[in-house]
mmCIF file of all heavy atoms, coordinates in Angstrom:
data_MODEL
# 
_entry.id   MODEL 
# 
loop_
_atom_site.group_PDB 
_atom_site.id 
_atom_site.type_symbol 
_atom_site.label_atom_id 
_atom_site.label_alt_id 
_atom_site.label_comp_id 
_atom_site.label_asym_id 
_atom_site.label_entity_id 
_atom_site.label_seq_id 
_atom_site.pdbx_PDB_ins_code 
_atom_site.Cartn_x 
_atom_site.Cartn_y 
_atom_site.Cartn_z 
_atom_site.occupancy 
_atom_site.B_iso_or_equiv 
_atom_site.pdbx_formal_charge 
_atom_site.auth_seq_id 
_atom_site.auth_comp_id 
_atom_site.auth_asym_id 
_atom_site.auth_atom_id 
_atom_site.pdbx_PDB_model_num 
ATOM 1   N N   . LEU A 1 1  ? -1.498  -17.230 0.955  1.00 0.00 ? 1  LEU A N   1 
ATOM 2   C CA  . LEU A 1 1  ? -2.319  -16.414 0.195  1.00 0.00 ? 1  LEU A CA  1 
ATOM 3   C C   . LEU A 1 1  ? -2.255  -14.920 0.672  1.00 0.00 ? 1  LEU A C   1 
ATOM 4   O O   . LEU A 1 1  ? -2.244  -14.014 -0.135 1.00 0.00 ? 1  LEU A O   1 
ATOM 5   C CB  . LEU A 1 1  ? -3.776  -16.946 0.358  1.00 0.00 ? 1  LEU A CB  1 
ATOM 6   C CG  . LEU A 1 1  ? -4.883  -16.069 -0.343 1.00 0.00 ? 1  LEU A CG  1 
ATOM 7   C CD1 . LEU A 1 1  ? -4.609  -16.025 -1.856 1.00 0.00 ? 1  LEU A CD1 1 
ATOM 8   C CD2 . LEU A 1 1  ? -6.216  -16.649 -0.082 1.00 0.00 ? 1  LEU A CD2 1 
ATOM 9   N N   . LYS A 1 2  ? -2.147  -14.735 1.943  1.00 0.00 ? 2  LYS A N   1 
ATOM 10  C CA  . LYS A 1 2  ? -2.022  -13.367 2.510  1.00 0.00 ? 2  LYS A CA  1 
ATOM 11  C C   . LYS A 1 2  ? -0.722  -12.707 2.019  1.00 0.00 ? 2  LYS A C   1 
ATOM 12  O O   . LYS A 1 2  ? -0.755  -11.553 1.564  1.00 0.00 ? 2  LYS A O   1 
ATOM 13  C CB  . LYS A 1 2  ? -2.055  -13.385 4.043  1.00 0.00 ? 2  LYS A CB  1 
ATOM 14  C CG  . LYS A 1 2  ? -1.986  -12.068 4.804  1.00 0.00 ? 2  LYS A CG  1 
ATOM 15  C CD  . LYS A 1 2  ? -2.045  -12.241 6.300  1.00 0.00 ? 2  LYS A CD  1 
ATOM 16  C CE  . LYS A 1 2  ? -2.014  -10.868 6.963  1.00 0.00 ? 2  LYS A CE  1 
ATOM 17  N NZ  . LYS A 1 2  ? -2.047  -11.031 8.432  1.00 0.00 ? 2  LYS A NZ  1 
ATOM 18  N N   . ILE A 1 3  ? 0.423   -13.431 1.980  1.00 0.00 ? 3  ILE A N   1 
ATOM 19  C CA  . ILE A 1 3  ? 1.617   -12.889 1.544  1.00 0.00 ? 3  ILE A CA  1 
ATOM 20  C C   . ILE A 1 3  ? 1.503   -12.451 0.079  1.00 0.00 ? 3  ILE A C   1 
ATOM 21  O O   . ILE A 1 3  ? 1.938   -11.438 -0.349 1.00 0.00 ? 3  ILE A O   1 
ATOM 22  C CB  . ILE A 1 3  ? 2.771   -13.959 1.783  1.00 0.00 ? 3  ILE A CB  1 
ATOM 23  C CG1 . ILE A 1 3  ? 3.040   -14.054 3.221  1.00 0.00 ? 3  ILE A CG1 1 
ATOM 24  C CG2 . ILE A 1 3  ? 4.080   -13.431 1.022  1.00 0.00 ? 3  ILE A CG2 1 
ATOM 25  C CD1 . ILE A 1 3  ? 4.047   -15.136 3.613  1.00 0.00 ? 3  ILE A CD1 1 
ATOM 26  N N   . LYS A 1 4  ? 0.948   -13.417 -0.767 1.00 0.00 ? 4  LYS A N   1 
ATOM 27  C CA  . LYS A 1 4  ? 0.758   -13.028 -2.233 1.00 0.00 ? 4  LYS A CA  1 
ATOM 28  C C   . LYS A 1 4  ? -0.130  -11.959 -2.313 1.00 0.00 ? 4  LYS A C   1 
ATOM 29  O O   . LYS A 1 4  ? 0.193   -10.958 -3.190 1.00 0.00 ? 4  LYS A O   1 
ATOM 30  C CB  . LYS A 1 4  ? 0.278   -14.279 -2.941 1.00 0.00 ? 4  LYS A CB  1 
ATOM 31  C CG  . LYS A 1 4  ? 0.148   -14.014 -4.494 1.00 0.00 ? 4  LYS A CG  1 
ATOM 32  C CD  . LYS A 1 4  ? -0.430  -15.189 -5.217 1.00 0.00 ? 4  LYS A CD  1 
ATOM 33  C CE  . LYS A 1 4  ? -0.416  -14.856 -6.735 1.00 0.00 ? 4  LYS A CE  1 
ATOM 34  N NZ  . LYS A 1 4  ? -1.000  -13.574 -7.132 1.00 0.00 ? 4  LYS A NZ  1 
ATOM 35  N N   . THR A 1 5  ? -1.194  -11.903 -1.709 1.00 0.00 ? 5  THR A N   1 
ATOM 36  C CA  . THR A 1 5  ? -2.172  -10.783 -1.808 1.00 0.00 ? 5  THR A CA  1 
ATOM 37  C C   . THR A 1 5  ? -1.586  -9.406  -1.417 1.00 0.00 ? 5  THR A C   1 
ATOM 38  O O   . THR A 1 5  ? -1.685  -8.431  -2.248 1.00 0.00 ? 5  THR A O   1 
ATOM 39  C CB  . THR A 1 5  ? -3.366  -11.051 -1.003 1.00 0.00 ? 5  THR A CB  1 
ATOM 40  O OG1 . THR A 1 5  ? -4.054  -12.336 -1.388 1.00 0.00 ? 5  THR A OG1 1 
ATOM 41  C CG2 . THR A 1 5  ? -4.420  -9.950  -1.130 1.00 0.00 ? 5  THR A CG2 1 
ATOM 42  N N   . LEU A 1 6  ? -0.914  -9.306  -0.344 1.00 0.00 ? 6  LEU A N   1 
ATOM 43  C CA  . LEU A 1 6  ? -0.337  -8.066  0.099  1.00 0.00 ? 6  LEU A CA  1 
ATOM 44  C C   . LEU A 1 6  ? 0.845   -7.674  -0.688 1.00 0.00 ? 6  LEU A C   1 
ATOM 45  O O   . LEU A 1 6  ? 1.115   -6.489  -0.868 1.00 0.00 ? 6  LEU A O   1 
ATOM 46  C CB  . LEU A 1 6  ? -0.040  -8.131  1.644  1.00 0.00 ? 6  LEU A CB  1 
ATOM 47  C CG  . LEU A 1 6  ? -1.205  -8.362  2.579  1.00 0.00 ? 6  LEU A CG  1 
ATOM 48  C CD1 . LEU A 1 6  ? -0.766  -8.246  4.015  1.00 0.00 ? 6  LEU A CD1 1 
ATOM 49  C CD2 . LEU A 1 6  ? -2.312  -7.323  2.324  1.00 0.00 ? 6  LEU A CD2 1 
ATOM 50  N N   . SER A 1 7  ? 1.645   -8.662  -1.164 1.00 0.00 ? 7  SER A N   1 
ATOM 51  C CA  . SER A 1 7  ? 2.805   -8.356  -2.041 1.00 0.00 ? 7  SER A CA  1 
ATOM 52  C C   . SER A 1 7  ? 2.268   -7.725  -3.318 1.00 0.00 ? 7  SER A C   1 
ATOM 53  O O   . SER A 1 7  ? 2.847   -6.741  -3.799 1.00 0.00 ? 7  SER A O   1 
ATOM 54  C CB  . SER A 1 7  ? 3.579   -9.644  -2.376 1.00 0.00 ? 7  SER A CB  1 
ATOM 55  O OG  . SER A 1 7  ? 4.103   -10.215 -1.135 1.00 0.00 ? 7  SER A OG  1 
ATOM 56  N N   . ASP A 1 8  ? 1.211   -8.236  -3.908 1.00 0.00 ? 8  ASP A N   1 
ATOM 57  C CA  . ASP A 1 8  ? 0.678   -7.665  -5.122 1.00 0.00 ? 8  ASP A CA  1 
ATOM 58  C C   . ASP A 1 8  ? 0.131   -6.250  -4.842 1.00 0.00 ? 8  ASP A C   1 
ATOM 59  O O   . ASP A 1 8  ? 0.277   -5.357  -5.727 1.00 0.00 ? 8  ASP A O   1 
ATOM 60  C CB  . ASP A 1 8  ? -0.478  -8.655  -5.678 1.00 0.00 ? 8  ASP A CB  1 
ATOM 61  C CG  . ASP A 1 8  ? 0.010   -9.866  -6.175 1.00 0.00 ? 8  ASP A CG  1 
ATOM 62  O OD1 . ASP A 1 8  ? 1.236   -10.040 -6.435 1.00 0.00 ? 8  ASP A OD1 1 
ATOM 63  O OD2 . ASP A 1 8  ? -0.832  -10.795 -6.358 1.00 0.00 ? 8  ASP A OD2 1 
ATOM 64  N N   . ILE A 1 9  ? -0.556  -6.108  -3.723 1.00 0.00 ? 9  ILE A N   1 
ATOM 65  C CA  . ILE A 1 9  ? -1.102  -4.792  -3.360 1.00 0.00 ? 9  ILE A CA  1 
ATOM 66  C C   . ILE A 1 9  ? 0.009   -3.777  -3.181 1.00 0.00 ? 9  ILE A C   1 
ATOM 67  O O   . ILE A 1 9  ? -0.010  -2.638  -3.665 1.00 0.00 ? 9  ILE A O   1 
ATOM 68  C CB  . ILE A 1 9  ? -1.934  -4.847  -2.036 1.00 0.00 ? 9  ILE A CB  1 
ATOM 69  C CG1 . ILE A 1 9  ? -3.266  -5.603  -2.396 1.00 0.00 ? 9  ILE A CG1 1 
ATOM 70  C CG2 . ILE A 1 9  ? -2.280  -3.490  -1.498 1.00 0.00 ? 9  ILE A CG2 1 
ATOM 71  C CD1 . ILE A 1 9  ? -4.026  -6.054  -1.229 1.00 0.00 ? 9  ILE A CD1 1 
ATOM 72  N N   . TYR A 1 10 ? 1.133   -4.184  -2.593 1.00 0.00 ? 10 TYR A N   1 
ATOM 73  C CA  . TYR A 1 10 ? 2.226   -3.201  -2.345 1.00 0.00 ? 10 TYR A CA  1 
ATOM 74  C C   . TYR A 1 10 ? 2.912   -2.812  -3.727 1.00 0.00 ? 10 TYR A C   1 
ATOM 75  O O   . TYR A 1 10 ? 3.108   -1.603  -3.927 1.00 0.00 ? 10 TYR A O   1 
ATOM 76  C CB  . TYR A 1 10 ? 3.280   -3.778  -1.441 1.00 0.00 ? 10 TYR A CB  1 
ATOM 77  C CG  . TYR A 1 10 ? 4.215   -2.773  -0.951 1.00 0.00 ? 10 TYR A CG  1 
ATOM 78  C CD1 . TYR A 1 10 ? 3.858   -1.965  0.170  1.00 0.00 ? 10 TYR A CD1 1 
ATOM 79  C CD2 . TYR A 1 10 ? 5.515   -2.593  -1.506 1.00 0.00 ? 10 TYR A CD2 1 
ATOM 80  C CE1 . TYR A 1 10 ? 4.755   -0.970  0.582  1.00 0.00 ? 10 TYR A CE1 1 
ATOM 81  C CE2 . TYR A 1 10 ? 6.342   -1.608  -0.968 1.00 0.00 ? 10 TYR A CE2 1 
ATOM 82  C CZ  . TYR A 1 10 ? 6.005   -0.841  0.066  1.00 0.00 ? 10 TYR A CZ  1 
ATOM 83  O OH  . TYR A 1 10 ? 6.792   0.160   0.606  1.00 0.00 ? 10 TYR A OH  1 
ATOM 84  N N   . VAL A 1 11 ? 2.961   -3.744  -4.602 1.00 0.00 ? 11 VAL A N   1 
ATOM 85  C CA  . VAL A 1 11 ? 3.521   -3.432  -5.904 1.00 0.00 ? 11 VAL A CA  1 
ATOM 86  C C   . VAL A 1 11 ? 2.556   -2.447  -6.655 1.00 0.00 ? 11 VAL A C   1 
ATOM 87  O O   . VAL A 1 11 ? 3.013   -1.561  -7.407 1.00 0.00 ? 11 VAL A O   1 
ATOM 88  C CB  . VAL A 1 11 ? 3.726   -4.729  -6.765 1.00 0.00 ? 11 VAL A CB  1 
ATOM 89  C CG1 . VAL A 1 11 ? 4.001   -4.424  -8.255 1.00 0.00 ? 11 VAL A CG1 1 
ATOM 90  C CG2 . VAL A 1 11 ? 4.868   -5.519  -6.165 1.00 0.00 ? 11 VAL A CG2 1 
ATOM 91  N N   . LEU A 1 12 ? 1.235   -2.684  -6.510 1.00 0.00 ? 12 LEU A N   1 
ATOM 92  C CA  . LEU A 1 12 ? 0.265   -1.780  -7.191 1.00 0.00 ? 12 LEU A CA  1 
ATOM 93  C C   . LEU A 1 12 ? 0.414   -0.410  -6.790 1.00 0.00 ? 12 LEU A C   1 
ATOM 94  O O   . LEU A 1 12 ? 0.230   0.554   -7.619 1.00 0.00 ? 12 LEU A O   1 
ATOM 95  C CB  . LEU A 1 12 ? -1.118  -2.382  -6.768 1.00 0.00 ? 12 LEU A CB  1 
ATOM 96  C CG  . LEU A 1 12 ? -2.317  -1.506  -7.268 1.00 0.00 ? 12 LEU A CG  1 
ATOM 97  C CD1 . LEU A 1 12 ? -2.397  -1.541  -8.862 1.00 0.00 ? 12 LEU A CD1 1 
ATOM 98  C CD2 . LEU A 1 12 ? -3.606  -1.997  -6.659 1.00 0.00 ? 12 LEU A CD2 1 
ATOM 99  N N   . HIS A 1 13 ? 0.740   -0.149  -5.501 1.00 0.00 ? 13 HIS A N   1 
ATOM 100 C CA  . HIS A 1 13 ? 0.628   1.263   -5.031 1.00 0.00 ? 13 HIS A CA  1 
ATOM 101 C C   . HIS A 1 13 ? 2.062   1.910   -4.871 1.00 0.00 ? 13 HIS A C   1 
ATOM 102 O O   . HIS A 1 13 ? 2.145   3.103   -4.728 1.00 0.00 ? 13 HIS A O   1 
ATOM 103 C CB  . HIS A 1 13 ? -0.001  1.210   -3.636 1.00 0.00 ? 13 HIS A CB  1 
ATOM 104 C CG  . HIS A 1 13 ? -1.471  0.906   -3.723 1.00 0.00 ? 13 HIS A CG  1 
ATOM 105 N ND1 . HIS A 1 13 ? -2.377  1.819   -4.298 1.00 0.00 ? 13 HIS A ND1 1 
ATOM 106 C CD2 . HIS A 1 13 ? -2.169  -0.112  -3.264 1.00 0.00 ? 13 HIS A CD2 1 
ATOM 107 C CE1 . HIS A 1 13 ? -3.682  1.283   -4.147 1.00 0.00 ? 13 HIS A CE1 1 
ATOM 108 N NE2 . HIS A 1 13 ? -3.536  -0.066  -3.571 1.00 0.00 ? 13 HIS A NE2 1 
ATOM 109 N N   . ARG A 1 14 ? 3.137   1.120   -4.784 1.00 0.00 ? 14 ARG A N   1 
ATOM 110 C CA  . ARG A 1 14 ? 4.371   1.716   -4.210 1.00 0.00 ? 14 ARG A CA  1 
ATOM 111 C C   . ARG A 1 14 ? 4.926   2.870   -4.998 1.00 0.00 ? 14 ARG A C   1 
ATOM 112 O O   . ARG A 1 14 ? 5.530   3.851   -4.417 1.00 0.00 ? 14 ARG A O   1 
ATOM 113 C CB  . ARG A 1 14 ? 5.442   0.601   -4.107 1.00 0.00 ? 14 ARG A CB  1 
ATOM 114 C CG  . ARG A 1 14 ? 5.897   -0.007  -5.367 1.00 0.00 ? 14 ARG A CG  1 
ATOM 115 C CD  . ARG A 1 14 ? 6.877   -1.062  -5.189 1.00 0.00 ? 14 ARG A CD  1 
ATOM 116 N NE  . ARG A 1 14 ? 7.314   -1.721  -6.450 1.00 0.00 ? 14 ARG A NE  1 
ATOM 117 C CZ  . ARG A 1 14 ? 8.016   -2.872  -6.519 1.00 0.00 ? 14 ARG A CZ  1 
ATOM 118 N NH1 . ARG A 1 14 ? 8.398   -3.359  -5.397 1.00 0.00 ? 14 ARG A NH1 1 
ATOM 119 N NH2 . ARG A 1 14 ? 8.302   -3.372  -7.706 1.00 0.00 ? 14 ARG A NH2 1 
ATOM 120 N N   . GLU A 1 15 ? 4.735   2.872   -6.308 1.00 0.00 ? 15 GLU A N   1 
ATOM 121 C CA  . GLU A 1 15 ? 5.320   3.919   -7.157 1.00 0.00 ? 15 GLU A CA  1 
ATOM 122 C C   . GLU A 1 15 ? 4.541   5.225   -6.918 1.00 0.00 ? 15 GLU A C   1 
ATOM 123 O O   . GLU A 1 15 ? 4.954   6.329   -7.361 1.00 0.00 ? 15 GLU A O   1 
ATOM 124 C CB  . GLU A 1 15 ? 5.317   3.551   -8.635 1.00 0.00 ? 15 GLU A CB  1 
ATOM 125 C CG  . GLU A 1 15 ? 6.122   2.330   -8.936 1.00 0.00 ? 15 GLU A CG  1 
ATOM 126 C CD  . GLU A 1 15 ? 7.649   2.548   -8.557 1.00 0.00 ? 15 GLU A CD  1 
ATOM 127 O OE1 . GLU A 1 15 ? 8.139   3.686   -8.620 1.00 0.00 ? 15 GLU A OE1 1 
ATOM 128 O OE2 . GLU A 1 15 ? 8.257   1.599   -8.151 1.00 0.00 ? 15 GLU A OE2 1 
ATOM 129 N N   . LYS A 1 16 ? 3.288   5.126   -6.420 1.00 0.00 ? 16 LYS A N   1 
ATOM 130 C CA  . LYS A 1 16 ? 2.431   6.314   -6.290 1.00 0.00 ? 16 LYS A CA  1 
ATOM 131 C C   . LYS A 1 16 ? 2.585   6.928   -4.836 1.00 0.00 ? 16 LYS A C   1 
ATOM 132 O O   . LYS A 1 16 ? 1.906   7.984   -4.588 1.00 0.00 ? 16 LYS A O   1 
ATOM 133 C CB  . LYS A 1 16 ? 0.940   5.963   -6.467 1.00 0.00 ? 16 LYS A CB  1 
ATOM 134 C CG  . LYS A 1 16 ? 0.727   5.224   -7.784 1.00 0.00 ? 16 LYS A CG  1 
ATOM 135 C CD  . LYS A 1 16 ? -0.679  4.633   -7.881 1.00 0.00 ? 16 LYS A CD  1 
ATOM 136 C CE  . LYS A 1 16 ? -0.901  3.701   -9.064 1.00 0.00 ? 16 LYS A CE  1 
ATOM 137 N NZ  . LYS A 1 16 ? -2.120  3.069   -9.080 1.00 0.00 ? 16 LYS A NZ  1 
ATOM 138 N N   . LEU A 1 17 ? 3.221   6.372   -3.997 1.00 0.00 ? 17 LEU A N   1 
ATOM 139 C CA  . LEU A 1 17 ? 3.356   6.823   -2.641 1.00 0.00 ? 17 LEU A CA  1 
ATOM 140 C C   . LEU A 1 17 ? 4.412   7.863   -2.505 1.00 0.00 ? 17 LEU A C   1 
ATOM 141 O O   . LEU A 1 17 ? 5.590   7.609   -2.684 1.00 0.00 ? 17 LEU A O   1 
ATOM 142 C CB  . LEU A 1 17 ? 3.667   5.693   -1.613 1.00 0.00 ? 17 LEU A CB  1 
ATOM 143 C CG  . LEU A 1 17 ? 2.657   4.549   -1.670 1.00 0.00 ? 17 LEU A CG  1 
ATOM 144 C CD1 . LEU A 1 17 ? 3.040   3.419   -0.758 1.00 0.00 ? 17 LEU A CD1 1 
ATOM 145 C CD2 . LEU A 1 17 ? 1.275   4.994   -1.254 1.00 0.00 ? 17 LEU A CD2 1 
ATOM 146 N N   . GLU A 1 18 ? 3.965   9.085   -2.181 1.00 0.00 ? 18 GLU A N   1 
ATOM 147 C CA  . GLU A 1 18 ? 4.873   10.193  -2.167 1.00 0.00 ? 18 GLU A CA  1 
ATOM 148 C C   . GLU A 1 18 ? 5.163   10.860  -0.804 1.00 0.00 ? 18 GLU A C   1 
ATOM 149 O O   . GLU A 1 18 ? 5.929   11.670  -0.666 1.00 0.00 ? 18 GLU A O   1 
ATOM 150 C CB  . GLU A 1 18 ? 4.372   11.288  -3.113 1.00 0.00 ? 18 GLU A CB  1 
ATOM 151 C CG  . GLU A 1 18 ? 4.328   10.821  -4.563 1.00 0.00 ? 18 GLU A CG  1 
ATOM 152 C CD  . GLU A 1 18 ? 3.767   11.902  -5.511 1.00 0.00 ? 18 GLU A CD  1 
ATOM 153 O OE1 . GLU A 1 18 ? 3.347   13.003  -4.947 1.00 0.00 ? 18 GLU A OE1 1 
ATOM 154 O OE2 . GLU A 1 18 ? 3.828   11.694  -6.757 1.00 0.00 ? 18 GLU A OE2 1 
ATOM 155 N N   . SER A 1 19 ? 4.356   10.370  0.241  1.00 0.00 ? 19 SER A N   1 
ATOM 156 C CA  . SER A 1 19 ? 4.521   10.934  1.491  1.00 0.00 ? 19 SER A CA  1 
ATOM 157 C C   . SER A 1 19 ? 3.992   9.957   2.583  1.00 0.00 ? 19 SER A C   1 
ATOM 158 O O   . SER A 1 19 ? 3.225   9.080   2.238  1.00 0.00 ? 19 SER A O   1 
ATOM 159 C CB  . SER A 1 19 ? 3.693   12.274  1.513  1.00 0.00 ? 19 SER A CB  1 
ATOM 160 O OG  . SER A 1 19 ? 2.269   11.965  1.591  1.00 0.00 ? 19 SER A OG  1 
ATOM 161 N N   . PRO A 1 20 ? 4.341   10.189  3.824  1.00 0.00 ? 20 PRO A N   1 
ATOM 162 C CA  . PRO A 1 20 ? 3.800   9.387   4.843  1.00 0.00 ? 20 PRO A CA  1 
ATOM 163 C C   . PRO A 1 20 ? 2.294   9.451   4.976  1.00 0.00 ? 20 PRO A C   1 
ATOM 164 O O   . PRO A 1 20 ? 1.600   8.443   5.122  1.00 0.00 ? 20 PRO A O   1 
ATOM 165 C CB  . PRO A 1 20 ? 4.397   10.011  6.209  1.00 0.00 ? 20 PRO A CB  1 
ATOM 166 C CG  . PRO A 1 20 ? 5.751   10.597  5.668  1.00 0.00 ? 20 PRO A CG  1 
ATOM 167 C CD  . PRO A 1 20 ? 5.412   11.110  4.338  1.00 0.00 ? 20 PRO A CD  1 
ATOM 168 N N   . LEU A 1 21 ? 1.660   10.662  4.750  1.00 0.00 ? 21 LEU A N   1 
ATOM 169 C CA  . LEU A 1 21 ? 0.247   10.767  4.810  1.00 0.00 ? 21 LEU A CA  1 
ATOM 170 C C   . LEU A 1 21 ? -0.333  10.015  3.571  1.00 0.00 ? 21 LEU A C   1 
ATOM 171 O O   . LEU A 1 21 ? -1.426  9.361   3.718  1.00 0.00 ? 21 LEU A O   1 
ATOM 172 C CB  . LEU A 1 21 ? -0.207  12.184  4.796  1.00 0.00 ? 21 LEU A CB  1 
ATOM 173 C CG  . LEU A 1 21 ? 0.118   12.992  6.064  1.00 0.00 ? 21 LEU A CG  1 
ATOM 174 C CD1 . LEU A 1 21 ? -0.227  14.464  5.935  1.00 0.00 ? 21 LEU A CD1 1 
ATOM 175 C CD2 . LEU A 1 21 ? -0.535  12.337  7.250  1.00 0.00 ? 21 LEU A CD2 1 
ATOM 176 N N   . GLY A 1 22 ? 0.310   10.041  2.511  1.00 0.00 ? 22 GLY A N   1 
ATOM 177 C CA  . GLY A 1 22 ? -0.216  9.259   1.298  1.00 0.00 ? 22 GLY A CA  1 
ATOM 178 C C   . GLY A 1 22 ? -0.226  7.731   1.578  1.00 0.00 ? 22 GLY A C   1 
ATOM 179 O O   . GLY A 1 22 ? -1.212  7.039   1.218  1.00 0.00 ? 22 GLY A O   1 
ATOM 180 N N   . ALA A 1 23 ? 0.922   7.211   2.274  1.00 0.00 ? 23 ALA A N   1 
ATOM 181 C CA  . ALA A 1 23 ? 0.907   5.899   2.553  1.00 0.00 ? 23 ALA A CA  1 
ATOM 182 C C   . ALA A 1 23 ? -0.220  5.486   3.575  1.00 0.00 ? 23 ALA A C   1 
ATOM 183 O O   . ALA A 1 23 ? -0.813  4.410   3.485  1.00 0.00 ? 23 ALA A O   1 
ATOM 184 C CB  . ALA A 1 23 ? 2.328   5.495   3.205  1.00 0.00 ? 23 ALA A CB  1 
ATOM 185 N N   . LEU A 1 24 ? -0.363  6.351   4.581  1.00 0.00 ? 24 LEU A N   1 
ATOM 186 C CA  . LEU A 1 24 ? -1.459  6.126   5.566  1.00 0.00 ? 24 LEU A CA  1 
ATOM 187 C C   . LEU A 1 24 ? -2.812  6.129   4.955  1.00 0.00 ? 24 LEU A C   1 
ATOM 188 O O   . LEU A 1 24 ? -3.691  5.263   5.296  1.00 0.00 ? 24 LEU A O   1 
ATOM 189 C CB  . LEU A 1 24 ? -1.393  7.149   6.663  1.00 0.00 ? 24 LEU A CB  1 
ATOM 190 C CG  . LEU A 1 24 ? -2.255  6.974   7.956  1.00 0.00 ? 24 LEU A CG  1 
ATOM 191 C CD1 . LEU A 1 24 ? -1.890  5.603   8.572  1.00 0.00 ? 24 LEU A CD1 1 
ATOM 192 C CD2 . LEU A 1 24 ? -1.883  8.104   8.909  1.00 0.00 ? 24 LEU A CD2 1 
ATOM 193 N N   . ALA A 1 25 ? -3.077  7.032   4.000  1.00 0.00 ? 25 ALA A N   1 
ATOM 194 C CA  . ALA A 1 25 ? -4.399  6.968   3.316  1.00 0.00 ? 25 ALA A CA  1 
ATOM 195 C C   . ALA A 1 25 ? -4.550  5.778   2.431  1.00 0.00 ? 25 ALA A C   1 
ATOM 196 O O   . ALA A 1 25 ? -5.687  5.248   2.277  1.00 0.00 ? 25 ALA A O   1 
ATOM 197 C CB  . ALA A 1 25 ? -4.570  8.311   2.491  1.00 0.00 ? 25 ALA A CB  1 
ATOM 198 N N   . THR A 1 26 ? -3.414  5.329   1.779  1.00 0.00 ? 26 THR A N   1 
ATOM 199 C CA  . THR A 1 26 ? -3.513  4.145   0.937  1.00 0.00 ? 26 THR A CA  1 
ATOM 200 C C   . THR A 1 26 ? -3.694  2.849   1.571  1.00 0.00 ? 26 THR A C   1 
ATOM 201 O O   . THR A 1 26 ? -4.543  2.020   1.234  1.00 0.00 ? 26 THR A O   1 
ATOM 202 C CB  . THR A 1 26 ? -2.182  4.098   0.070  1.00 0.00 ? 26 THR A CB  1 
ATOM 203 O OG1 . THR A 1 26 ? -2.118  5.302   -0.721 1.00 0.00 ? 26 THR A OG1 1 
ATOM 204 C CG2 . THR A 1 26 ? -2.209  2.970   -0.885 1.00 0.00 ? 26 THR A CG2 1 
ATOM 205 N N   . PHE A 1 27 ? -3.010  2.650   2.681  1.00 0.00 ? 27 PHE A N   1 
ATOM 206 C CA  . PHE A 1 27 ? -2.956  1.387   3.341  1.00 0.00 ? 27 PHE A CA  1 
ATOM 207 C C   . PHE A 1 27 ? -3.689  1.289   4.742  1.00 0.00 ? 27 PHE A C   1 
ATOM 208 O O   . PHE A 1 27 ? -3.937  0.224   5.197  1.00 0.00 ? 27 PHE A O   1 
ATOM 209 C CB  . PHE A 1 27 ? -1.543  0.902   3.612  1.00 0.00 ? 27 PHE A CB  1 
ATOM 210 C CG  . PHE A 1 27 ? -0.741  0.690   2.336  1.00 0.00 ? 27 PHE A CG  1 
ATOM 211 C CD1 . PHE A 1 27 ? 0.575   1.180   2.244  1.00 0.00 ? 27 PHE A CD1 1 
ATOM 212 C CD2 . PHE A 1 27 ? -1.202  -0.019  1.205  1.00 0.00 ? 27 PHE A CD2 1 
ATOM 213 C CE1 . PHE A 1 27 ? 1.384   0.983   1.126  1.00 0.00 ? 27 PHE A CE1 1 
ATOM 214 C CE2 . PHE A 1 27 ? -0.507  -0.206  0.070  1.00 0.00 ? 27 PHE A CE2 1 
ATOM 215 C CZ  . PHE A 1 27 ? 0.795   0.285   0.019  1.00 0.00 ? 27 PHE A CZ  1 
ATOM 216 N N   . GLY A 1 28 ? -3.966  2.457   5.292  1.00 0.00 ? 28 GLY A N   1 
ATOM 217 C CA  . GLY A 1 28 ? -4.384  2.465   6.606  1.00 0.00 ? 28 GLY A CA  1 
ATOM 218 C C   . GLY A 1 28 ? -5.879  2.106   6.742  1.00 0.00 ? 28 GLY A C   1 
ATOM 219 O O   . GLY A 1 28 ? -6.650  1.988   5.929  1.00 0.00 ? 28 GLY A O   1 
ATOM 220 N N   . GLY A 1 29 ? -6.278  1.866   8.029  1.00 0.00 ? 29 GLY A N   1 
ATOM 221 C CA  . GLY A 1 29 ? -7.680  1.745   8.427  1.00 0.00 ? 29 GLY A CA  1 
ATOM 222 C C   . GLY A 1 29 ? -8.038  3.048   9.114  1.00 0.00 ? 29 GLY A C   1 
ATOM 223 O O   . GLY A 1 29 ? -7.129  3.872   9.585  1.00 0.00 ? 29 GLY A O   1 
ATOM 224 N N   . PHE A 1 30 ? -9.370  3.310   9.235  1.00 0.00 ? 30 PHE A N   1 
ATOM 225 C CA  . PHE A 1 30 ? -9.765  4.466   9.965  1.00 0.00 ? 30 PHE A CA  1 
ATOM 226 C C   . PHE A 1 30 ? -9.284  4.557   11.383 1.00 0.00 ? 30 PHE A C   1 
ATOM 227 O O   . PHE A 1 30 ? -8.942  5.534   11.995 1.00 0.00 ? 30 PHE A O   1 
ATOM 228 C CB  . PHE A 1 30 ? -11.301 4.675   9.846  1.00 0.00 ? 30 PHE A CB  1 
ATOM 229 C CG  . PHE A 1 30 ? -11.742 4.959   8.480  1.00 0.00 ? 30 PHE A CG  1 
ATOM 230 C CD1 . PHE A 1 30 ? -12.805 4.192   7.926  1.00 0.00 ? 30 PHE A CD1 1 
ATOM 231 C CD2 . PHE A 1 30 ? -11.264 6.037   7.683  1.00 0.00 ? 30 PHE A CD2 1 
ATOM 232 C CE1 . PHE A 1 30 ? -13.336 4.523   6.626  1.00 0.00 ? 30 PHE A CE1 1 
ATOM 233 C CE2 . PHE A 1 30 ? -11.687 6.261   6.418  1.00 0.00 ? 30 PHE A CE2 1 
ATOM 234 C CZ  . PHE A 1 30 ? -12.735 5.537   5.892  1.00 0.00 ? 30 PHE A CZ  1 
# 
């Protein structure tokens, strides 16, 4: 379930990620 959930999340965001900081804001924790 974790693999499916995170795979779907990565597909949802990957085209919008334009920079390291953007990826950190999208996927990171505080």
